[in-house]
Amino acid sequence: MVALLCIGERNIKATIIKYNFDHFKKKHGFMSYEQRLTVRLVDIWEQLRHERPPPPYEQWNSAKISDIWQKCIAMRVEPNQRASSEIVVRTLFVGQQLNVIMPTLRAEECYQMHILDHDMKKLFSPITSVVQSQKSMAHDGTFVSKNNKLVKYRCCFLPFSDSKKYTEGGANVHYIVAGFSWVHM
């Protein structure tokens, strides 16, 4: 797109190109960045999967996405001991940038899906479907932040299996990596 903006101008300085690119990013940045985030995550997951059940979590390499890893969550999912139809989520990693939209979410914490507040339930609503279908899933929506600002978000959820279960032929979902992008309206 920047090249289209600069056609016919032979002596363009780098600062003008940078300005045009920055202007373009401000105008269209959320959508292009969001697509890159979700597409990159799903592409990496698909490469690990190779048309098989969910790949083992041990194969996940966050270094491949170090530029967006702080907008991601890694979690372990397990059935609730009291009600097997419910899922308990144990966060393994919560990216620091997610504090902007999820200030109450902490790493190394356990969350029962049915007791999350309304906005968190909305953000994490695909988890049960991802566990059951064993497929990646995209999700988007809006909510009002704690400081009364409308937040528009998009995210994807990537299921992973336990390596021991994977090698034994069973590939239930035991882990999920989720990536988020958002804009304040």
N, C-alpha and C. Protein backbone atom coordinates (compact mmCIF):
# COMPACT_ATOMS: atom_id res chain seq x y z
N MET A 1 0.82 -1.20 0.00
CA MET A 1 0.00 0.00 0.00
C MET A 1 0.86 1.25 0.00
N VAL A 2 1.97 1.22 0.70
CA VAL A 2 2.85 2.38 0.73
C VAL A 2 3.38 2.65 -0.67
N ALA A 3 3.71 1.58 -1.40
CA ALA A 3 4.22 1.76 -2.77
C ALA A 3 3.19 2.49 -3.62
N LEU A 4 1.93 2.19 -3.45
CA LEU A 4 0.89 2.87 -4.21
C LEU A 4 0.81 4.34 -3.84
N LEU A 5 1.06 4.65 -2.60
CA LEU A 5 1.04 6.05 -2.17
C LEU A 5 2.21 6.83 -2.76
N CYS A 6 3.29 6.14 -3.09
CA CYS A 6 4.52 6.81 -3.51
C CYS A 6 4.77 6.76 -5.01
N ILE A 7 3.89 6.16 -5.79
CA ILE A 7 4.10 6.05 -7.23
C ILE A 7 4.22 7.44 -7.84
N GLY A 8 5.22 7.58 -8.72
CA GLY A 8 5.41 8.84 -9.41
C GLY A 8 6.28 9.82 -8.66
N GLU A 9 6.66 9.54 -7.46
CA GLU A 9 7.53 10.42 -6.68
C GLU A 9 8.89 9.75 -6.56
N ARG A 10 9.86 10.24 -7.31
CA ARG A 10 11.17 9.57 -7.38
C ARG A 10 12.08 9.94 -6.21
N ASN A 11 11.97 11.12 -5.69
CA ASN A 11 12.90 11.58 -4.65
C ASN A 11 12.22 11.61 -3.28
N ILE A 12 11.65 10.53 -2.90
CA ILE A 12 10.95 10.47 -1.62
C ILE A 12 11.95 10.17 -0.52
N LYS A 13 11.91 10.94 0.52
CA LYS A 13 12.78 10.69 1.66
C LYS A 13 12.18 9.60 2.54
N ALA A 14 13.04 8.92 3.25
CA ALA A 14 12.59 7.84 4.13
C ALA A 14 11.59 8.33 5.16
N THR A 15 11.73 9.57 5.62
CA THR A 15 10.81 10.08 6.63
C THR A 15 9.40 10.21 6.06
N ILE A 16 9.29 10.59 4.79
CA ILE A 16 7.96 10.70 4.18
C ILE A 16 7.35 9.32 4.03
N ILE A 17 8.15 8.36 3.60
CA ILE A 17 7.64 6.99 3.48
C ILE A 17 7.20 6.49 4.85
N LYS A 18 8.04 6.73 5.86
CA LYS A 18 7.68 6.31 7.22
C LYS A 18 6.40 6.99 7.67
N TYR A 19 6.25 8.29 7.39
CA TYR A 19 5.04 8.99 7.76
C TYR A 19 3.84 8.35 7.08
N ASN A 20 3.95 8.09 5.78
CA ASN A 20 2.83 7.49 5.05
C ASN A 20 2.49 6.11 5.63
N PHE A 21 3.52 5.33 5.94
CA PHE A 21 3.28 4.02 6.51
C PHE A 21 2.64 4.13 7.88
N ASP A 22 3.16 5.03 8.73
CA ASP A 22 2.57 5.23 10.06
C ASP A 22 1.13 5.71 9.95
N HIS A 23 0.87 6.61 9.01
CA HIS A 23 -0.50 7.10 8.79
C HIS A 23 -1.40 5.94 8.36
N PHE A 24 -0.90 5.12 7.45
CA PHE A 24 -1.66 3.96 6.99
C PHE A 24 -1.94 3.01 8.16
N LYS A 25 -0.92 2.76 9.00
CA LYS A 25 -1.11 1.87 10.15
C LYS A 25 -2.15 2.42 11.11
N LYS A 26 -2.11 3.74 11.34
CA LYS A 26 -3.09 4.33 12.25
C LYS A 26 -4.50 4.20 11.68
N LYS A 27 -4.60 4.39 10.37
CA LYS A 27 -5.91 4.34 9.74
C LYS A 27 -6.42 2.90 9.62
N HIS A 28 -5.54 1.97 9.28
CA HIS A 28 -5.96 0.59 9.02
C HIS A 28 -5.26 -0.42 9.91
N GLY A 29 -4.49 0.05 10.87
CA GLY A 29 -3.61 -0.82 11.64
C GLY A 29 -4.29 -1.93 12.41
N PHE A 30 -5.42 -1.66 13.05
CA PHE A 30 -6.03 -2.69 13.90
C PHE A 30 -6.36 -3.93 13.08
N MET A 31 -7.00 -3.74 11.96
CA MET A 31 -7.42 -4.89 11.17
C MET A 31 -6.23 -5.65 10.61
N SER A 32 -5.26 -4.95 10.05
CA SER A 32 -4.13 -5.66 9.47
C SER A 32 -3.31 -6.36 10.55
N TYR A 33 -3.12 -5.72 11.71
CA TYR A 33 -2.37 -6.34 12.79
C TYR A 33 -3.13 -7.54 13.34
N GLU A 34 -4.43 -7.38 13.51
CA GLU A 34 -5.24 -8.47 14.04
C GLU A 34 -5.17 -9.67 13.13
N GLN A 35 -5.30 -9.45 11.83
CA GLN A 35 -5.24 -10.58 10.91
C GLN A 35 -3.88 -11.26 11.00
N ARG A 36 -2.85 -10.49 11.11
CA ARG A 36 -1.52 -11.08 11.20
C ARG A 36 -1.41 -11.91 12.47
N LEU A 37 -1.88 -11.39 13.58
CA LEU A 37 -1.80 -12.11 14.84
C LEU A 37 -2.54 -13.44 14.75
N THR A 38 -3.79 -13.42 14.37
CA THR A 38 -4.56 -14.66 14.35
C THR A 38 -4.08 -15.60 13.25
N VAL A 39 -3.77 -15.06 12.09
CA VAL A 39 -3.31 -15.91 10.99
C VAL A 39 -1.97 -16.55 11.35
N ARG A 40 -1.07 -15.79 11.92
CA ARG A 40 0.23 -16.36 12.31
C ARG A 40 0.06 -17.47 13.34
N LEU A 41 -0.78 -17.24 14.32
CA LEU A 41 -0.97 -18.27 15.35
C LEU A 41 -1.58 -19.54 14.75
N VAL A 42 -2.60 -19.38 13.94
CA VAL A 42 -3.24 -20.55 13.33
C VAL A 42 -2.29 -21.25 12.37
N ASP A 43 -1.52 -20.50 11.59
CA ASP A 43 -0.55 -21.12 10.68
C ASP A 43 0.48 -21.97 11.42
N ILE A 44 1.01 -21.44 12.50
CA ILE A 44 1.98 -22.21 13.29
C ILE A 44 1.33 -23.46 13.86
N TRP A 45 0.11 -23.32 14.35
CA TRP A 45 -0.61 -24.47 14.91
C TRP A 45 -0.85 -25.53 13.83
N GLU A 46 -1.27 -25.09 12.64
CA GLU A 46 -1.51 -26.03 11.53
C GLU A 46 -0.23 -26.76 11.13
N GLN A 47 0.89 -26.07 11.14
CA GLN A 47 2.17 -26.71 10.81
C GLN A 47 2.51 -27.79 11.84
N LEU A 48 2.21 -27.54 13.09
CA LEU A 48 2.47 -28.54 14.13
C LEU A 48 1.51 -29.72 14.03
N ARG A 49 0.31 -29.43 13.60
CA ARG A 49 -0.76 -30.44 13.58
C ARG A 49 -0.60 -31.44 12.45
N HIS A 50 -0.24 -31.03 11.27
CA HIS A 50 -0.09 -31.93 10.11
C HIS A 50 -1.32 -32.79 9.86
N GLU A 51 -2.50 -32.20 9.87
CA GLU A 51 -3.75 -32.94 9.59
C GLU A 51 -4.04 -34.04 10.61
N ARG A 52 -3.43 -33.96 11.77
CA ARG A 52 -3.67 -34.94 12.83
C ARG A 52 -4.46 -34.27 13.94
N PRO A 53 -4.71 -35.00 15.01
CA PRO A 53 -5.36 -34.37 16.17
C PRO A 53 -4.51 -33.23 16.72
N PRO A 54 -5.01 -32.53 17.71
CA PRO A 54 -4.24 -31.41 18.25
C PRO A 54 -2.81 -31.82 18.61
N PRO A 55 -1.84 -30.99 18.25
CA PRO A 55 -0.44 -31.33 18.52
C PRO A 55 -0.14 -31.27 20.02
N PRO A 56 0.92 -31.94 20.44
CA PRO A 56 1.33 -31.87 21.85
C PRO A 56 1.77 -30.45 22.21
N TYR A 57 1.41 -30.01 23.39
CA TYR A 57 1.77 -28.67 23.85
C TYR A 57 3.28 -28.48 23.90
N GLU A 58 4.01 -29.52 24.16
CA GLU A 58 5.47 -29.44 24.26
C GLU A 58 6.10 -28.98 22.94
N GLN A 59 5.38 -29.12 21.82
CA GLN A 59 5.91 -28.68 20.52
C GLN A 59 5.72 -27.18 20.31
N TRP A 60 4.91 -26.54 21.14
CA TRP A 60 4.66 -25.11 20.98
C TRP A 60 5.93 -24.33 21.31
N ASN A 61 6.27 -23.37 20.47
CA ASN A 61 7.48 -22.57 20.66
C ASN A 61 7.09 -21.10 20.63
N SER A 62 6.97 -20.49 21.79
CA SER A 62 6.56 -19.08 21.86
C SER A 62 7.61 -18.15 21.26
N ALA A 63 8.85 -18.60 21.12
CA ALA A 63 9.90 -17.75 20.54
C ALA A 63 9.59 -17.41 19.08
N LYS A 64 8.82 -18.26 18.41
CA LYS A 64 8.46 -17.98 17.01
C LYS A 64 7.55 -16.76 16.89
N ILE A 65 6.89 -16.42 17.96
CA ILE A 65 5.96 -15.28 17.94
C ILE A 65 6.31 -14.30 19.05
N SER A 66 7.58 -14.12 19.30
CA SER A 66 8.00 -13.27 20.43
C SER A 66 7.44 -11.86 20.33
N ASP A 67 7.18 -11.37 19.12
CA ASP A 67 6.65 -10.02 18.96
C ASP A 67 5.18 -9.90 19.36
N ILE A 68 4.46 -11.01 19.41
CA ILE A 68 3.04 -10.96 19.80
C ILE A 68 2.73 -11.83 21.02
N TRP A 69 3.73 -12.51 21.56
CA TRP A 69 3.51 -13.43 22.68
C TRP A 69 2.91 -12.73 23.89
N GLN A 70 3.21 -11.45 24.10
CA GLN A 70 2.67 -10.73 25.25
C GLN A 70 1.18 -10.43 25.11
N LYS A 71 0.59 -10.77 23.97
CA LYS A 71 -0.86 -10.65 23.77
C LYS A 71 -1.52 -12.03 23.77
N CYS A 72 -0.84 -12.99 24.37
CA CYS A 72 -1.32 -14.37 24.37
C CYS A 72 -1.47 -14.91 25.79
N ILE A 73 -2.22 -15.99 25.87
CA ILE A 73 -2.42 -16.72 27.12
C ILE A 73 -2.17 -18.19 26.82
N ALA A 74 -1.45 -18.86 27.70
CA ALA A 74 -1.32 -20.31 27.64
C ALA A 74 -2.02 -20.85 28.87
N MET A 75 -2.85 -21.86 28.67
CA MET A 75 -3.62 -22.39 29.80
C MET A 75 -3.78 -23.90 29.71
N ARG A 76 -3.94 -24.50 30.85
CA ARG A 76 -4.25 -25.93 30.93
C ARG A 76 -5.73 -26.02 31.24
N VAL A 77 -6.41 -26.92 30.54
CA VAL A 77 -7.84 -27.12 30.79
C VAL A 77 -8.04 -28.53 31.33
N GLU A 78 -8.91 -28.63 32.31
CA GLU A 78 -9.19 -29.92 32.91
C GLU A 78 -10.64 -29.94 33.38
N PRO A 79 -11.22 -31.12 33.47
CA PRO A 79 -12.60 -31.18 33.95
C PRO A 79 -12.68 -30.79 35.42
N ASN A 80 -13.78 -30.18 35.78
CA ASN A 80 -14.02 -29.82 37.17
C ASN A 80 -14.27 -31.11 37.95
N GLN A 81 -13.62 -31.28 39.08
CA GLN A 81 -13.76 -32.50 39.88
C GLN A 81 -15.18 -32.67 40.41
N ARG A 82 -15.88 -31.56 40.65
CA ARG A 82 -17.24 -31.64 41.21
C ARG A 82 -18.31 -31.80 40.14
N ALA A 83 -18.06 -31.22 38.97
CA ALA A 83 -19.05 -31.30 37.88
C ALA A 83 -18.28 -31.52 36.58
N SER A 84 -18.25 -32.76 36.11
CA SER A 84 -17.42 -33.11 34.96
C SER A 84 -17.81 -32.38 33.67
N SER A 85 -19.03 -31.84 33.62
CA SER A 85 -19.44 -31.10 32.43
C SER A 85 -18.83 -29.70 32.40
N GLU A 86 -18.25 -29.27 33.50
CA GLU A 86 -17.61 -27.95 33.58
C GLU A 86 -16.11 -28.08 33.41
N ILE A 87 -15.51 -27.00 32.93
CA ILE A 87 -14.07 -26.97 32.70
C ILE A 87 -13.41 -26.00 33.67
N VAL A 88 -12.27 -26.41 34.18
CA VAL A 88 -11.44 -25.54 35.01
C VAL A 88 -10.24 -25.14 34.16
N VAL A 89 -9.94 -23.86 34.16
CA VAL A 89 -8.81 -23.33 33.39
C VAL A 89 -7.72 -22.90 34.36
N ARG A 90 -6.52 -23.41 34.14
CA ARG A 90 -5.36 -23.00 34.94
C ARG A 90 -4.43 -22.24 34.00
N THR A 91 -4.24 -20.96 34.27
CA THR A 91 -3.39 -20.15 33.41
C THR A 91 -1.92 -20.48 33.68
N LEU A 92 -1.19 -20.75 32.62
CA LEU A 92 0.25 -21.02 32.72
C LEU A 92 1.05 -19.77 32.41
N PHE A 93 0.54 -18.98 31.48
CA PHE A 93 1.19 -17.74 31.08
C PHE A 93 0.12 -16.74 30.68
N VAL A 94 0.27 -15.50 31.13
CA VAL A 94 -0.62 -14.41 30.72
C VAL A 94 0.27 -13.27 30.25
N GLY A 95 0.17 -12.93 28.97
CA GLY A 95 0.98 -11.84 28.42
C GLY A 95 0.72 -10.52 29.12
N GLN A 96 1.77 -9.76 29.35
CA GLN A 96 1.66 -8.51 30.10
C GLN A 96 0.74 -7.50 29.42
N GLN A 97 0.70 -7.48 28.10
CA GLN A 97 -0.14 -6.51 27.41
C GLN A 97 -1.63 -6.78 27.61
N LEU A 98 -1.97 -7.98 28.04
CA LEU A 98 -3.37 -8.31 28.26
C LEU A 98 -3.95 -7.64 29.50
N ASN A 99 -3.11 -7.09 30.36
CA ASN A 99 -3.61 -6.35 31.53
C ASN A 99 -4.52 -5.21 31.13
N VAL A 100 -4.34 -4.70 29.93
CA VAL A 100 -5.17 -3.59 29.44
C VAL A 100 -6.63 -4.01 29.35
N ILE A 101 -6.89 -5.22 28.87
CA ILE A 101 -8.29 -5.64 28.70
C ILE A 101 -8.73 -6.68 29.73
N MET A 102 -7.79 -7.33 30.41
CA MET A 102 -8.13 -8.34 31.40
C MET A 102 -7.32 -8.13 32.68
N PRO A 103 -7.55 -7.04 33.39
CA PRO A 103 -6.70 -6.73 34.55
C PRO A 103 -6.79 -7.73 35.69
N THR A 104 -7.84 -8.52 35.76
CA THR A 104 -7.98 -9.45 36.88
C THR A 104 -7.38 -10.82 36.58
N LEU A 105 -6.98 -11.07 35.36
CA LEU A 105 -6.42 -12.37 34.98
C LEU A 105 -4.95 -12.45 35.38
N ARG A 106 -4.60 -13.51 36.07
CA ARG A 106 -3.23 -13.69 36.55
C ARG A 106 -2.69 -15.06 36.12
N ALA A 107 -1.38 -15.13 35.96
CA ALA A 107 -0.74 -16.41 35.65
C ALA A 107 -0.75 -17.30 36.89
N GLU A 108 -0.70 -18.59 36.65
CA GLU A 108 -0.67 -19.59 37.72
C GLU A 108 -1.91 -19.52 38.62
N GLU A 109 -3.02 -19.16 38.05
CA GLU A 109 -4.29 -19.13 38.79
C GLU A 109 -5.24 -20.15 38.19
N CYS A 110 -6.22 -20.53 38.97
CA CYS A 110 -7.23 -21.47 38.53
C CYS A 110 -8.57 -20.75 38.41
N TYR A 111 -9.26 -20.92 37.29
CA TYR A 111 -10.53 -20.24 37.06
C TYR A 111 -11.59 -21.26 36.66
N GLN A 112 -12.70 -21.24 37.36
CA GLN A 112 -13.83 -22.06 36.96
C GLN A 112 -14.68 -21.23 36.03
N MET A 113 -14.99 -21.78 34.88
CA MET A 113 -15.66 -21.01 33.84
C MET A 113 -16.98 -20.41 34.31
N HIS A 114 -17.73 -21.13 35.11
CA HIS A 114 -19.05 -20.65 35.50
C HIS A 114 -19.01 -19.48 36.49
N ILE A 115 -17.87 -19.21 37.12
CA ILE A 115 -17.83 -18.11 38.08
C ILE A 115 -17.06 -16.89 37.58
N LEU A 116 -16.62 -16.92 36.32
CA LEU A 116 -15.96 -15.74 35.76
C LEU A 116 -16.96 -14.59 35.64
N ASP A 117 -16.46 -13.35 35.71
CA ASP A 117 -17.37 -12.23 35.51
C ASP A 117 -17.84 -12.21 34.06
N HIS A 118 -18.87 -11.43 33.78
CA HIS A 118 -19.54 -11.44 32.48
C HIS A 118 -18.57 -11.23 31.31
N ASP A 119 -17.71 -10.21 31.41
CA ASP A 119 -16.80 -9.91 30.30
C ASP A 119 -15.78 -11.03 30.09
N MET A 120 -15.28 -11.60 31.17
CA MET A 120 -14.32 -12.70 31.04
C MET A 120 -15.00 -13.93 30.45
N LYS A 121 -16.23 -14.18 30.85
CA LYS A 121 -16.97 -15.30 30.26
C LYS A 121 -17.11 -15.11 28.76
N LYS A 122 -17.40 -13.88 28.37
CA LYS A 122 -17.55 -13.56 26.95
C LYS A 122 -16.24 -13.80 26.20
N LEU A 123 -15.14 -13.34 26.75
CA LEU A 123 -13.83 -13.53 26.12
C LEU A 123 -13.46 -15.01 26.00
N PHE A 124 -13.80 -15.78 27.01
CA PHE A 124 -13.38 -17.18 27.04
C PHE A 124 -14.49 -18.16 26.65
N SER A 125 -15.58 -17.68 26.13
CA SER A 125 -16.70 -18.55 25.78
C SER A 125 -16.35 -19.67 24.80
N PRO A 126 -15.40 -19.50 23.87
CA PRO A 126 -15.10 -20.60 22.94
C PRO A 126 -14.34 -21.78 23.55
N ILE A 127 -13.86 -21.66 24.76
CA ILE A 127 -13.00 -22.72 25.31
C ILE A 127 -13.68 -24.08 25.31
N THR A 128 -14.90 -24.17 25.76
CA THR A 128 -15.60 -25.46 25.79
C THR A 128 -15.73 -26.04 24.40
N SER A 129 -16.07 -25.22 23.42
CA SER A 129 -16.19 -25.70 22.03
C SER A 129 -14.84 -26.17 21.48
N VAL A 130 -13.78 -25.46 21.81
CA VAL A 130 -12.44 -25.83 21.34
C VAL A 130 -12.05 -27.18 21.93
N VAL A 131 -12.33 -27.38 23.21
CA VAL A 131 -12.01 -28.65 23.86
C VAL A 131 -12.80 -29.79 23.21
N GLN A 132 -14.08 -29.57 22.97
CA GLN A 132 -14.92 -30.62 22.40
C GLN A 132 -14.59 -30.91 20.93
N SER A 133 -14.38 -29.87 20.14
CA SER A 133 -14.15 -30.05 18.70
C SER A 133 -12.70 -30.38 18.36
N GLN A 134 -11.77 -30.04 19.25
CA GLN A 134 -10.33 -30.21 19.04
C GLN A 134 -9.84 -29.42 17.83
N LYS A 135 -10.51 -28.32 17.52
CA LYS A 135 -10.16 -27.47 16.38
C LYS A 135 -9.91 -26.05 16.86
N SER A 136 -9.08 -25.33 16.10
CA SER A 136 -8.86 -23.92 16.43
C SER A 136 -10.14 -23.15 16.17
N MET A 137 -10.29 -22.04 16.87
CA MET A 137 -11.51 -21.27 16.75
C MET A 137 -11.21 -19.78 16.91
N ALA A 138 -11.81 -18.97 16.04
CA ALA A 138 -11.70 -17.52 16.15
C ALA A 138 -12.95 -16.99 16.81
N HIS A 139 -12.81 -15.85 17.45
CA HIS A 139 -13.91 -15.28 18.22
C HIS A 139 -13.73 -13.77 18.24
N ASP A 140 -14.81 -13.02 18.17
CA ASP A 140 -14.71 -11.56 18.29
C ASP A 140 -15.92 -11.01 19.01
N GLY A 141 -15.81 -9.79 19.44
CA GLY A 141 -16.92 -9.16 20.15
C GLY A 141 -16.51 -7.84 20.75
N THR A 142 -17.37 -7.34 21.62
CA THR A 142 -17.11 -6.08 22.32
C THR A 142 -17.49 -6.24 23.78
N PHE A 143 -16.90 -5.42 24.61
CA PHE A 143 -17.30 -5.32 26.01
C PHE A 143 -16.88 -3.96 26.52
N VAL A 144 -17.42 -3.58 27.67
CA VAL A 144 -17.08 -2.31 28.29
C VAL A 144 -16.02 -2.58 29.35
N SER A 145 -14.88 -1.89 29.24
CA SER A 145 -13.77 -2.10 30.17
C SER A 145 -14.10 -1.54 31.55
N LYS A 146 -13.23 -1.82 32.50
CA LYS A 146 -13.42 -1.35 33.88
C LYS A 146 -13.46 0.18 33.97
N ASN A 147 -12.80 0.86 33.02
CA ASN A 147 -12.85 2.33 33.02
C ASN A 147 -13.86 2.86 31.99
N ASN A 148 -14.91 2.08 31.77
CA ASN A 148 -16.07 2.46 30.95
C ASN A 148 -15.74 2.82 29.51
N LYS A 149 -14.79 2.14 28.91
CA LYS A 149 -14.49 2.32 27.49
C LYS A 149 -14.90 1.06 26.74
N LEU A 150 -15.47 1.26 25.56
CA LEU A 150 -15.85 0.12 24.73
C LEU A 150 -14.59 -0.49 24.12
N VAL A 151 -14.45 -1.80 24.25
CA VAL A 151 -13.30 -2.52 23.71
C VAL A 151 -13.82 -3.49 22.66
N LYS A 152 -13.26 -3.39 21.46
CA LYS A 152 -13.57 -4.33 20.39
C LYS A 152 -12.38 -5.28 20.30
N TYR A 153 -12.64 -6.60 20.33
CA TYR A 153 -11.55 -7.56 20.36
C TYR A 153 -11.76 -8.67 19.34
N ARG A 154 -10.68 -9.30 19.00
CA ARG A 154 -10.68 -10.53 18.21
C ARG A 154 -9.64 -11.45 18.83
N CYS A 155 -9.91 -12.73 18.75
CA CYS A 155 -8.96 -13.67 19.33
C CYS A 155 -9.07 -15.02 18.63
N CYS A 156 -8.09 -15.85 18.86
CA CYS A 156 -8.17 -17.22 18.38
C CYS A 156 -7.70 -18.14 19.49
N PHE A 157 -8.26 -19.33 19.50
CA PHE A 157 -7.96 -20.33 20.51
C PHE A 157 -7.40 -21.57 19.80
N LEU A 158 -6.24 -22.03 20.24
CA LEU A 158 -5.56 -23.16 19.61
C LEU A 158 -5.44 -24.31 20.61
N PRO A 159 -6.05 -25.47 20.31
CA PRO A 159 -6.00 -26.60 21.24
C PRO A 159 -4.70 -27.41 21.10
N PHE A 160 -4.23 -27.92 22.22
CA PHE A 160 -3.05 -28.78 22.25
C PHE A 160 -3.33 -29.97 23.16
N SER A 161 -2.66 -31.07 22.86
CA SER A 161 -2.83 -32.28 23.67
C SER A 161 -1.65 -32.44 24.63
N ASP A 162 -1.79 -33.40 25.51
CA ASP A 162 -0.71 -33.77 26.42
C ASP A 162 0.19 -34.75 25.65
N SER A 163 1.49 -34.59 25.72
CA SER A 163 2.39 -35.42 24.90
C SER A 163 2.27 -36.91 25.23
N LYS A 164 2.07 -37.26 26.49
CA LYS A 164 1.94 -38.67 26.86
C LYS A 164 0.68 -39.27 26.24
N LYS A 165 -0.42 -38.55 26.33
CA LYS A 165 -1.67 -39.03 25.75
C LYS A 165 -1.57 -39.08 24.23
N TYR A 166 -0.85 -38.13 23.65
CA TYR A 166 -0.72 -38.05 22.20
C TYR A 166 -0.01 -39.28 21.66
N THR A 167 1.07 -39.69 22.31
CA THR A 167 1.82 -40.85 21.83
C THR A 167 1.07 -42.16 22.08
N GLU A 168 0.13 -42.15 22.99
CA GLU A 168 -0.66 -43.35 23.26
C GLU A 168 -1.88 -43.43 22.35
N GLY A 169 -2.03 -42.50 21.43
CA GLY A 169 -3.13 -42.55 20.48
C GLY A 169 -4.34 -41.71 20.86
N GLY A 170 -4.40 -41.23 22.07
CA GLY A 170 -5.50 -40.36 22.47
C GLY A 170 -5.05 -38.93 22.43
N ALA A 171 -5.84 -38.07 21.87
CA ALA A 171 -5.39 -36.68 21.73
C ALA A 171 -6.45 -35.72 22.25
N ASN A 172 -6.84 -35.89 23.49
CA ASN A 172 -7.78 -34.94 24.07
C ASN A 172 -7.08 -33.61 24.30
N VAL A 173 -7.86 -32.56 24.35
CA VAL A 173 -7.31 -31.23 24.55
C VAL A 173 -7.02 -31.03 26.04
N HIS A 174 -5.77 -30.73 26.34
CA HIS A 174 -5.35 -30.46 27.71
C HIS A 174 -4.80 -29.05 27.88
N TYR A 175 -4.44 -28.42 26.75
CA TYR A 175 -3.87 -27.08 26.77
C TYR A 175 -4.50 -26.24 25.67
N ILE A 176 -4.55 -24.94 25.90
CA ILE A 176 -5.02 -24.00 24.88
C ILE A 176 -4.11 -22.78 24.91
N VAL A 177 -3.73 -22.34 23.73
CA VAL A 177 -3.03 -21.06 23.58
C VAL A 177 -4.01 -20.13 22.89
N ALA A 178 -4.19 -18.95 23.45
CA ALA A 178 -5.11 -17.96 22.87
C ALA A 178 -4.36 -16.66 22.62
N GLY A 179 -4.62 -16.07 21.47
CA GLY A 179 -4.03 -14.78 21.13
C GLY A 179 -5.12 -13.74 20.97
N PHE A 180 -4.88 -12.53 21.44
CA PHE A 180 -5.89 -11.47 21.45
C PHE A 180 -5.36 -10.20 20.79
N SER A 181 -6.23 -9.53 20.05
CA SER A 181 -5.96 -8.17 19.60
C SER A 181 -7.21 -7.35 19.91
N TRP A 182 -7.03 -6.07 20.12
CA TRP A 182 -8.17 -5.24 20.53
C TRP A 182 -7.91 -3.79 20.18
N VAL A 183 -8.98 -3.04 20.21
CA VAL A 183 -8.91 -1.60 20.04
C VAL A 183 -9.95 -0.98 20.96
N HIS A 184 -9.60 0.14 21.58
CA HIS A 184 -10.56 0.88 22.40
C HIS A 184 -11.32 1.81 21.48
N MET A 185 -12.62 1.79 21.59
CA MET A 185 -13.46 2.62 20.71
C MET A 185 -13.75 3.96 21.37
